[in-house]
Amino acid sequence: MLILSRKENEEILLGNDIKVVVVGIGKGVVKIGIEAPKNMMVLRSELANEIKAKNTEANVSVADESLAELSQKFKK
């Protein structure tokens, strides 16, 4: 991990098309602005983790017995 010190209104460039700006500094909080291409998703890590958990929850496998029961219903 690269650790940089920046003051308010200073920027960090990532590649050619991503800019991170320190917008404000308060008690225990640093506000940052991110300029990135529209096709690049920018998410807070806690939100990304929540989405991942919801997707995993939605992808619950079906028990073999349930598939067998469903198969029998379609055969009738």
C-alpha atoms as a PDB file:
ATOM      1  CA  MET A   1       0.000   0.000   0.000  1.00  0.00           C
ATOM      2  CA  LEU A   2       1.301   3.416  -0.946  1.00  0.00           C
ATOM      3  CA  ILE A   3       0.703   6.011   1.777  1.00  0.00           C
ATOM      4  CA  LEU A   4       0.805   9.688   0.818  1.00  0.00           C
ATOM      5  CA  SER A   5       0.307  12.857   2.825  1.00  0.00           C
ATOM      6  CA  ARG A   6      -1.905  15.485   1.207  1.00  0.00           C
ATOM      7  CA  LYS A   7      -3.264  18.811   2.376  1.00  0.00           C
ATOM      8  CA  GLU A   8      -6.724  20.151   1.648  1.00  0.00           C
ATOM      9  CA  ASN A   9      -7.298  20.753  -2.095  1.00  0.00           C
ATOM     10  CA  GLU A  10      -4.245  18.702  -3.070  1.00  0.00           C
ATOM     11  CA  GLU A  11      -4.660  15.904  -5.602  1.00  0.00           C
ATOM     12  CA  ILE A  12      -3.427  12.417  -6.353  1.00  0.00           C
ATOM     13  CA  LEU A  13      -3.492  11.113  -9.921  1.00  0.00           C
ATOM     14  CA  LEU A  14      -4.092   7.433 -10.682  1.00  0.00           C
ATOM     15  CA  GLY A  15      -3.122   6.632 -14.233  1.00  0.00           C
ATOM     16  CA  ASN A  16      -4.177   9.155 -16.855  1.00  0.00           C
ATOM     17  CA  ASP A  17      -7.849   9.518 -16.043  1.00  0.00           C
ATOM     18  CA  ILE A  18      -8.483   9.217 -12.287  1.00  0.00           C
ATOM     19  CA  LYS A  19      -8.037  12.108  -9.877  1.00  0.00           C
ATOM     20  CA  VAL A  20      -8.487  11.936  -6.092  1.00  0.00           C
ATOM     21  CA  VAL A  21      -8.803  15.310  -4.337  1.00  0.00           C
ATOM     22  CA  VAL A  22      -8.760  16.024  -0.596  1.00  0.00           C
ATOM     23  CA  VAL A  23     -11.883  18.194  -0.420  1.00  0.00           C
ATOM     24  CA  GLY A  24     -12.039  18.755   3.321  1.00  0.00           C
ATOM     25  CA  ILE A  25     -10.461  17.747   6.602  1.00  0.00           C
ATOM     26  CA  GLY A  26     -12.420  17.649   9.859  1.00  0.00           C
ATOM     27  CA  LYS A  27     -12.366  15.941  13.233  1.00  0.00           C
ATOM     28  CA  GLY A  28     -11.714  12.301  12.419  1.00  0.00           C
ATOM     29  CA  VAL A  29     -13.037  12.685   8.869  1.00  0.00           C
ATOM     30  CA  VAL A  30     -11.359  13.340   5.551  1.00  0.00           C
ATOM     31  CA  LYS A  31     -13.632  14.185   2.622  1.00  0.00           C
ATOM     32  CA  ILE A  32     -12.320  13.141  -0.756  1.00  0.00           C
ATOM     33  CA  GLY A  33     -13.543  13.764  -4.264  1.00  0.00           C
ATOM     34  CA  ILE A  34     -12.946  11.264  -7.039  1.00  0.00           C
ATOM     35  CA  GLU A  35     -12.990  12.087 -10.733  1.00  0.00           C
ATOM     36  CA  ALA A  36     -13.080   8.918 -12.821  1.00  0.00           C
ATOM     37  CA  PRO A  37     -14.458   7.810 -16.194  1.00  0.00           C
ATOM     38  CA  LYS A  38     -18.214   7.176 -16.177  1.00  0.00           C
ATOM     39  CA  ASN A  39     -17.662   3.517 -17.059  1.00  0.00           C
ATOM     40  CA  MET A  40     -15.620   2.967 -13.878  1.00  0.00           C
ATOM     41  CA  MET A  41     -17.612   2.047 -10.788  1.00  0.00           C
ATOM     42  CA  VAL A  42     -16.524   3.838  -7.611  1.00  0.00           C
ATOM     43  CA  LEU A  43     -17.953   2.390  -4.375  1.00  0.00           C
ATOM     44  CA  ARG A  44     -17.224   2.669  -0.679  1.00  0.00           C
ATOM     45  CA  SER A  45     -15.793  -0.683   0.449  1.00  0.00           C
ATOM     46  CA  GLU A  46     -18.591  -1.262   2.979  1.00  0.00           C
ATOM     47  CA  LEU A  47     -21.174  -0.844   0.209  1.00  0.00           C
ATOM     48  CA  ALA A  48     -19.261  -3.195  -2.097  1.00  0.00           C
ATOM     49  CA  ASN A  49     -19.107  -5.779   0.721  1.00  0.00           C
ATOM     50  CA  GLU A  50     -22.857  -5.436   1.308  1.00  0.00           C
ATOM     51  CA  ILE A  51     -23.569  -5.967  -2.401  1.00  0.00           C
ATOM     52  CA  LYS A  52     -21.298  -9.013  -2.422  1.00  0.00           C
ATOM     53  CA  ALA A  53     -23.095 -10.476   0.618  1.00  0.00           C
ATOM     54  CA  LYS A  54     -26.529  -9.884  -0.967  1.00  0.00           C
ATOM     55  CA  ASN A  55     -25.396 -11.549  -4.200  1.00  0.00           C
ATOM     56  CA  THR A  56     -24.046 -14.536  -2.277  1.00  0.00           C
ATOM     57  CA  GLU A  57     -27.298 -14.761  -0.310  1.00  0.00           C
ATOM     58  CA  ALA A  58     -29.334 -14.682  -3.533  1.00  0.00           C
ATOM     59  CA  ASN A  59     -27.195 -17.414  -5.056  1.00  0.00           C
ATOM     60  CA  VAL A  60     -28.269 -20.125  -2.595  1.00  0.00           C
ATOM     61  CA  SER A  61     -28.104 -23.558  -4.160  1.00  0.00           C
ATOM     62  CA  VAL A  62     -31.246 -25.667  -4.430  1.00  0.00           C
ATOM     63  CA  ALA A  63     -31.255 -29.021  -2.649  1.00  0.00           C
ATOM     64  CA  ASP A  64     -31.243 -32.122  -4.889  1.00  0.00           C
ATOM     65  CA  GLU A  65     -34.554 -33.275  -3.353  1.00  0.00           C
ATOM     66  CA  SER A  66     -36.237 -30.044  -4.402  1.00  0.00           C
ATOM     67  CA  LEU A  67     -34.992 -30.458  -7.962  1.00  0.00           C
ATOM     68  CA  ALA A  68     -36.250 -34.041  -8.039  1.00  0.00           C
ATOM     69  CA  GLU A  69     -39.691 -32.962  -6.772  1.00  0.00           C
ATOM     70  CA  LEU A  70     -39.872 -30.198  -9.352  1.00  0.00           C
ATOM     71  CA  SER A  71     -38.819 -32.592 -12.084  1.00  0.00           C
ATOM     72  CA  GLN A  72     -41.633 -34.993 -11.147  1.00  0.00           C
ATOM     73  CA  LYS A  73     -44.215 -32.205 -11.341  1.00  0.00           C
ATOM     74  CA  PHE A  74     -43.186 -31.362 -14.905  1.00  0.00           C
ATOM     75  CA  LYS A  75     -43.377 -35.023 -15.961  1.00  0.00           C
ATOM     76  CA  LYS A  76     -47.091 -35.207 -15.057  1.00  0.00           C
END
